[in-house]
Protein backbone atom coordinates (compact mmCIF):
# COMPACT_ATOMS: atom_id res chain seq x y z
CA MET A 1 -0.17 0.09 -0.18
CA GLU A 2 3.01 2.79 0.99
CA LEU A 3 4.52 1.95 -2.33
CA ALA A 4 1.12 2.35 -4.08
CA ASN A 5 0.42 5.51 -2.36
CA GLN A 6 3.73 6.97 -3.49
CA ILE A 7 3.93 5.96 -7.41
CA ILE A 8 0.33 7.81 -6.82
CA PHE A 9 1.66 10.88 -4.93
CA LEU A 10 4.65 11.06 -7.64
CA GLY A 11 3.35 10.33 -10.44
CA SER A 12 0.54 13.10 -9.95
CA ALA A 13 2.95 15.20 -8.69
CA LEU A 14 5.04 15.48 -12.21
CA LEU A 15 1.90 15.65 -13.88
CA ILE A 16 0.81 18.80 -11.96
CA VAL A 17 4.27 20.36 -12.66
CA SER A 18 4.38 19.08 -16.24
CA ILE A 19 1.20 21.16 -16.79
CA ILE A 20 2.50 24.12 -15.17
CA ALA A 21 5.47 24.16 -16.25
CA GLY A 22 4.30 24.00 -19.81
CA VAL A 23 1.99 26.92 -19.14
CA LEU A 24 4.94 29.23 -18.61
CA SER A 25 7.04 28.19 -20.87
CA SER A 26 4.28 28.81 -23.98
CA ARG A 27 5.04 32.50 -22.54
CA ILE A 28 8.83 32.71 -22.75
CA GLY A 29 8.56 30.89 -26.24
CA ALA A 30 10.49 27.55 -25.02
CA PRO A 31 9.13 23.97 -26.51
CA LEU A 32 6.47 22.35 -24.19
CA LEU A 33 8.05 19.12 -24.90
CA LEU A 34 11.88 19.69 -24.34
CA VAL A 35 10.22 21.24 -20.62
CA PHE A 36 8.65 18.30 -20.02
CA LEU A 37 11.54 16.40 -21.18
CA ALA A 38 13.27 18.26 -18.57
CA LEU A 39 11.60 17.34 -16.04
CA GLY A 40 11.72 13.95 -16.36
CA MET A 41 16.02 14.53 -16.16
CA VAL A 42 15.41 16.08 -13.21
CA ALA A 43 13.27 13.86 -11.70
CA GLY A 44 14.84 10.63 -12.53
CA GLU A 45 18.20 8.96 -10.92
CA ASP A 46 20.59 11.70 -11.81
CA GLY A 47 18.30 14.43 -10.72
CA LEU A 48 15.94 13.54 -7.61
CA GLY A 49 16.65 9.87 -7.27
CA ILE A 50 13.48 8.31 -8.58
CA GLN A 51 14.81 4.84 -10.13
CA PHE A 52 12.48 3.46 -12.89
CA ASN A 53 14.13 0.53 -15.11
CA ASN A 54 11.34 -1.38 -15.94
CA PHE A 55 11.69 -1.80 -19.39
CA GLY A 56 8.32 -3.76 -20.21
CA ALA A 57 6.31 -1.17 -18.44
CA ALA A 58 8.54 1.21 -20.19
CA TYR A 59 7.57 0.13 -23.56
CA LEU A 60 4.18 -0.53 -22.18
CA LEU A 61 3.66 2.83 -22.20
CA GLY A 62 5.66 4.14 -24.59
CA SER A 63 3.36 2.38 -27.22
CA LEU A 64 0.38 3.11 -26.15
CA SER A 65 0.88 7.13 -25.94
CA LEU A 66 2.27 6.98 -28.88
CA ALA A 67 -0.55 4.21 -30.28
CA VAL A 68 -3.28 7.86 -28.72
CA ILE A 69 -1.13 10.48 -30.26
CA LEU A 70 -0.84 9.22 -33.48
CA PHE A 71 -4.55 8.67 -33.09
CA ASP A 72 -5.52 11.91 -32.56
CA GLY A 73 -2.99 13.14 -34.88
CA GLY A 74 -5.05 11.17 -37.40
CA LEU A 75 -8.74 12.16 -35.82
CA ARG A 76 -7.22 16.19 -36.87
CA THR A 77 -5.96 16.64 -40.53
CA PRO A 78 -8.02 16.85 -43.00
CA LEU A 79 -8.87 14.86 -45.61
CA ARG A 80 -7.36 17.83 -48.22
CA SER A 81 -3.84 17.64 -46.31
CA ILE A 82 -3.92 14.07 -47.98
CA ARG A 83 -4.55 15.08 -51.43
CA ILE A 84 -2.08 17.50 -51.38
CA ALA A 85 0.63 15.80 -49.55
CA TRP A 86 0.64 12.14 -49.48
CA ALA A 87 3.16 11.74 -52.53
CA PRO A 88 6.28 14.27 -50.72
CA ALA A 89 5.19 12.78 -47.59
CA SER A 90 5.51 8.95 -48.24
CA VAL A 91 8.76 10.37 -49.86
CA MET A 92 10.44 11.21 -47.09
CA ALA A 93 8.06 8.83 -44.08
CA THR A 94 10.16 6.00 -46.28
CA ILE A 95 13.04 6.84 -48.04
CA GLY A 96 13.69 9.53 -45.94
CA VAL A 97 13.62 7.32 -42.63
CA VAL A 98 16.03 5.02 -44.98
CA VAL A 99 18.01 7.93 -45.39
CA THR A 100 18.80 9.25 -42.26
CA ALA A 101 18.95 6.49 -40.31
CA ALA A 102 21.98 5.13 -42.98
CA ILE A 103 23.21 8.50 -42.14
CA THR A 104 23.43 8.80 -38.64
CA GLY A 105 24.20 4.88 -38.20
CA PHE A 106 27.66 5.72 -40.55
CA ALA A 107 28.51 8.42 -38.49
CA ALA A 108 28.06 6.25 -35.43
CA VAL A 109 30.35 3.24 -37.04
CA TRP A 110 32.65 6.24 -37.46
CA LEU A 111 33.12 8.20 -34.45
CA LEU A 112 31.59 5.52 -31.85
CA ASP A 113 33.84 2.63 -33.71
CA LEU A 114 30.42 0.47 -33.43
CA PRO A 115 29.82 -2.95 -35.48
CA TRP A 116 27.84 -2.00 -39.09
CA ILE A 117 24.53 -3.26 -37.55
CA ALA A 118 25.12 -1.22 -34.54
CA GLY A 119 25.80 1.48 -36.09
CA LEU A 120 22.45 1.40 -38.42
CA LEU A 121 20.16 0.18 -35.00
CA THR A 122 21.47 3.37 -33.62
CA GLY A 123 20.48 5.52 -36.49
CA ALA A 124 17.04 3.48 -37.11
CA ILE A 125 16.08 4.12 -33.18
CA VAL A 126 16.25 8.43 -33.86
CA ALA A 127 15.24 8.31 -37.46
CA SER A 128 11.73 9.00 -37.38
CA THR A 129 10.15 12.38 -36.58
CA ASP A 130 8.53 13.00 -33.25
CA ALA A 131 5.08 12.77 -34.25
CA ALA A 132 4.02 14.70 -30.88
CA ALA A 133 6.32 17.30 -31.46
CA VAL A 134 4.84 18.14 -34.49
CA PHE A 135 1.64 17.68 -33.84
CA LEU A 136 2.19 20.15 -31.55
CA LEU A 137 3.59 22.53 -33.01
CA LEU A 138 1.54 22.70 -35.97
CA HIS A 139 -1.47 23.08 -34.22
CA GLN A 140 -0.49 25.87 -31.71
CA ARG A 141 -1.54 29.64 -32.31
CA GLY A 142 0.09 31.53 -34.58
CA MET A 143 1.81 29.33 -36.58
CA GLU A 144 2.17 30.56 -40.07
CA LEU A 145 3.62 27.88 -42.98
CA ARG A 146 2.43 27.26 -46.58
CA LYS A 147 -0.70 24.86 -47.15
CA ARG A 148 1.54 21.88 -49.02
CA ILE A 149 4.65 22.13 -46.73
CA GLY A 150 1.99 22.31 -43.21
CA ALA A 151 0.00 19.15 -44.81
CA THR A 152 3.23 17.71 -46.25
CA LEU A 153 4.64 18.39 -42.58
CA GLU A 154 1.40 16.61 -40.09
CA VAL A 155 0.47 13.77 -43.07
CA GLU A 156 4.92 12.48 -42.64
CA SER A 157 4.91 12.69 -38.49
CA GLY A 158 2.08 10.54 -38.73
CA VAL A 159 3.23 8.00 -40.89
CA ASN A 160 6.85 8.01 -40.41
CA ASP A 161 7.03 6.14 -36.95
CA PRO A 162 6.23 2.41 -38.34
CA MET A 163 9.12 2.98 -40.75
CA ALA A 164 11.09 3.82 -38.02
CA VAL A 165 9.88 0.97 -35.76
CA PHE A 166 9.75 -1.74 -37.96
CA LEU A 167 13.73 -1.11 -39.04
CA THR A 168 14.30 -0.96 -35.34
CA VAL A 169 12.93 -4.29 -34.73
CA LEU A 170 14.49 -6.10 -38.12
CA LEU A 171 18.15 -4.62 -36.84
CA VAL A 172 17.73 -6.11 -33.29
CA GLU A 173 16.47 -8.99 -34.10
CA LEU A 174 19.36 -8.95 -36.90
CA VAL A 175 21.69 -8.25 -33.59
CA ALA A 176 20.35 -10.62 -31.51
CA SER A 177 20.39 -13.70 -34.16
CA GLY A 178 24.75 -12.82 -35.54
CA GLY A 179 22.87 -11.98 -39.28
CA GLY A 180 24.89 -10.41 -41.56
CA LEU A 181 24.03 -7.09 -44.14
CA GLU A 182 23.44 -9.78 -46.32
CA ARG A 183 19.79 -10.82 -44.90
CA LEU A 184 18.83 -7.05 -44.44
CA THR A 185 17.48 -6.58 -48.10
CA THR A 186 15.67 -9.59 -48.06
CA ASP A 187 14.29 -9.38 -44.69
CA VAL A 188 13.00 -5.16 -45.21
CA LEU A 189 11.11 -6.03 -48.59
CA VAL A 190 9.34 -8.91 -46.88
CA GLY A 191 8.63 -7.34 -43.50
CA PHE A 192 7.75 -3.63 -44.50
CA GLY A 193 5.49 -5.30 -47.62
CA THR A 194 3.83 -7.26 -44.77
CA GLN A 195 3.92 -4.27 -42.19
CA MET A 196 2.78 -1.44 -44.45
CA GLY A 197 -0.25 -3.28 -45.90
CA LEU A 198 -1.96 -4.63 -43.27
CA GLY A 199 -1.70 -1.82 -41.44
CA LEU A 200 -3.22 0.29 -44.10
CA ALA A 201 -5.65 -2.27 -45.01
CA PHE A 202 -6.84 -2.64 -41.25
CA GLY A 203 -6.71 0.91 -40.88
CA ILE A 204 -9.20 1.71 -43.23
CA ALA A 205 -11.18 -1.76 -42.33
CA GLY A 206 -10.54 -0.36 -38.41
CA GLY A 207 -11.83 3.57 -39.41
CA PHE A 208 -14.84 2.64 -40.80
CA LEU A 209 -16.19 -0.12 -38.41
CA ILE A 210 -15.53 2.61 -35.67
CA VAL A 211 -17.62 5.14 -37.51
CA GLN A 212 -20.38 2.61 -38.25
CA LEU A 213 -20.51 0.85 -34.59
CA VAL A 214 -20.18 4.15 -32.73
CA ASN A 215 -23.31 5.62 -34.61
CA ARG A 216 -24.99 2.43 -34.16
CA ILE A 217 -25.72 2.38 -30.45
CA GLU A 218 -27.55 4.71 -28.32
CA LEU A 219 -25.14 5.59 -25.17
CA GLU A 220 -24.57 8.13 -22.61
CA SER A 221 -23.11 11.07 -24.48
CA ALA A 222 -19.68 10.91 -21.94
CA LEU A 223 -19.49 7.43 -23.40
CA TYR A 224 -18.68 8.24 -27.16
CA PRO A 225 -15.04 8.93 -26.91
CA ILE A 226 -15.08 6.04 -24.21
CA VAL A 227 -15.46 3.42 -26.99
CA VAL A 228 -13.72 5.18 -29.87
CA LEU A 229 -11.22 4.44 -27.36
CA ALA A 230 -11.07 1.29 -26.72
CA ALA A 231 -11.79 0.05 -30.40
CA ALA A 232 -8.72 1.93 -31.19
CA LEU A 233 -6.59 0.59 -28.68
CA VAL A 234 -8.63 -2.88 -29.97
CA LEU A 235 -7.67 -2.13 -33.75
CA PHE A 236 -3.82 -0.91 -32.73
CA SER A 237 -2.85 -4.41 -30.38
CA LEU A 238 -4.81 -6.69 -32.89
CA THR A 239 -3.12 -5.76 -36.07
CA GLY A 240 0.47 -5.64 -34.29
CA ALA A 241 -1.05 -9.53 -33.25
CA LEU A 242 -1.09 -10.19 -36.17
CA GLY A 243 1.82 -9.08 -37.99
CA GLY A 244 0.94 -5.63 -39.36
CA SER A 245 2.12 -2.35 -37.60
CA GLY A 246 -0.34 -0.95 -35.53
CA PHE A 247 1.18 2.64 -35.22
CA LEU A 248 -0.19 3.44 -38.95
CA ALA A 249 -3.38 1.38 -38.59
CA VAL A 250 -4.44 3.36 -35.61
CA TYR A 251 -3.48 6.51 -37.66
CA VAL A 252 -4.93 5.18 -40.63
CA ALA A 253 -8.42 4.64 -38.41
CA GLY A 254 -8.03 8.31 -37.32
CA LEU A 255 -8.39 9.52 -40.49
CA VAL A 256 -11.28 7.92 -41.24
CA ALA A 257 -12.96 8.35 -38.71
CA GLY A 258 -12.28 12.56 -37.94
CA ASN A 259 -13.41 12.93 -42.05
CA SER A 260 -16.39 11.36 -41.42
CA ARG A 261 -19.62 12.10 -39.53
CA ILE A 262 -19.47 10.31 -36.26
CA THR A 263 -22.02 10.77 -33.30
CA GLY A 264 -20.34 12.41 -30.66
CA GLN A 265 -17.38 14.16 -32.46
CA VAL A 266 -17.27 17.18 -30.48
CA GLY A 267 -16.90 16.07 -27.46
CA LEU A 268 -14.33 12.57 -29.42
CA ARG A 269 -11.98 15.62 -29.89
CA ARG A 270 -11.93 17.36 -26.75
CA PHE A 271 -11.60 13.92 -24.77
CA MET A 272 -8.17 13.19 -27.23
CA GLU A 273 -7.37 16.41 -27.34
CA GLY A 274 -6.75 15.80 -23.30
CA LEU A 275 -5.56 11.91 -23.42
CA THR A 276 -3.08 13.45 -25.72
CA TRP A 277 -1.48 15.82 -23.56
CA ILE A 278 -1.01 13.17 -20.63
CA ALA A 279 -0.08 10.80 -23.76
CA GLN A 280 3.12 13.84 -24.56
CA ILE A 281 4.20 14.47 -20.84
CA ALA A 282 3.61 11.07 -19.96
CA MET A 283 6.31 9.76 -22.73
C-alpha cells in the first residue's frame, strides 16, 4: 500500500508540475516537449533519484501513449491535407527515414567505433520525426506555414513511425541472431510490405467499423469517446498481433473517423486532446 501511494503521489505531482511548467514555457516561447523532457531528467536517477528500469512497463506505456497521439493526429488531419501531401509525405516517411538512419548509422560507426549493424540500429532509433512534437507545433496558434508544407509535415510525422519501428525491430533481431548485412535487403522488402500493407488495410477497415459502431449504438454522451478510444486500441493491438503495423493502422483509422460524420464528434475531439496531452507528458 505504501508503494502504491508513493507512485500515485509522484505521478500526480509530476503531472501537475509538467502542466504548470508548460503554461510558463509557452509564455516565454520554450518548446513544451523539451520542458517535459527536462522535468523527467530532473526527476530521474541523476536528479531527484527516482529509479525506473522496468523495460516492459516503459515499452507498454510508450506504445500506448504513441498510439493515442497518432490516433488523435489522424482525427485532426483533414482529408484535403492527404490529397495535397500524400506523395512527398510518403517519400519522406519511407526513403527519408532510411536515408536518415543510414547517415546517422555511418556517423555512429565512424565516431563511436561500433559494428555496422549496431551503428545502423542507432540510426534507426533516432530516424523518425517525433509525431507528438510536430502535431503540437503545427496546432499551436500563430503557426504560419504554406499549406502544402504544413500538410506534408503533418502527414509525414504520422506515418513515419511505423517505418522507424520496423527498421529498429529488424536490426535488433539481426543483432540478436548474429545475422549480417546480406540478410537486410530481403528482410526489409518482405517485412515492410507485410507490415505496411496490413497496417493500411486494417486501418481503413477499422476506421469505418469504428464509425459504424458509434453511429449505430445509443449511449450516454460521455461514453462515446471512451468507446472510440477503446476500439482504436483494440485495432492497434490486433494489427500488431497479426504482423501488421499497429501504429500505421491506428493513425489511418483516426483519419477515417476524423473525416466521417460520427456521433459525439465534438466531445471526442476534446476528450482526445486532453488525453493526448497526458500521453505527451508521460512519454
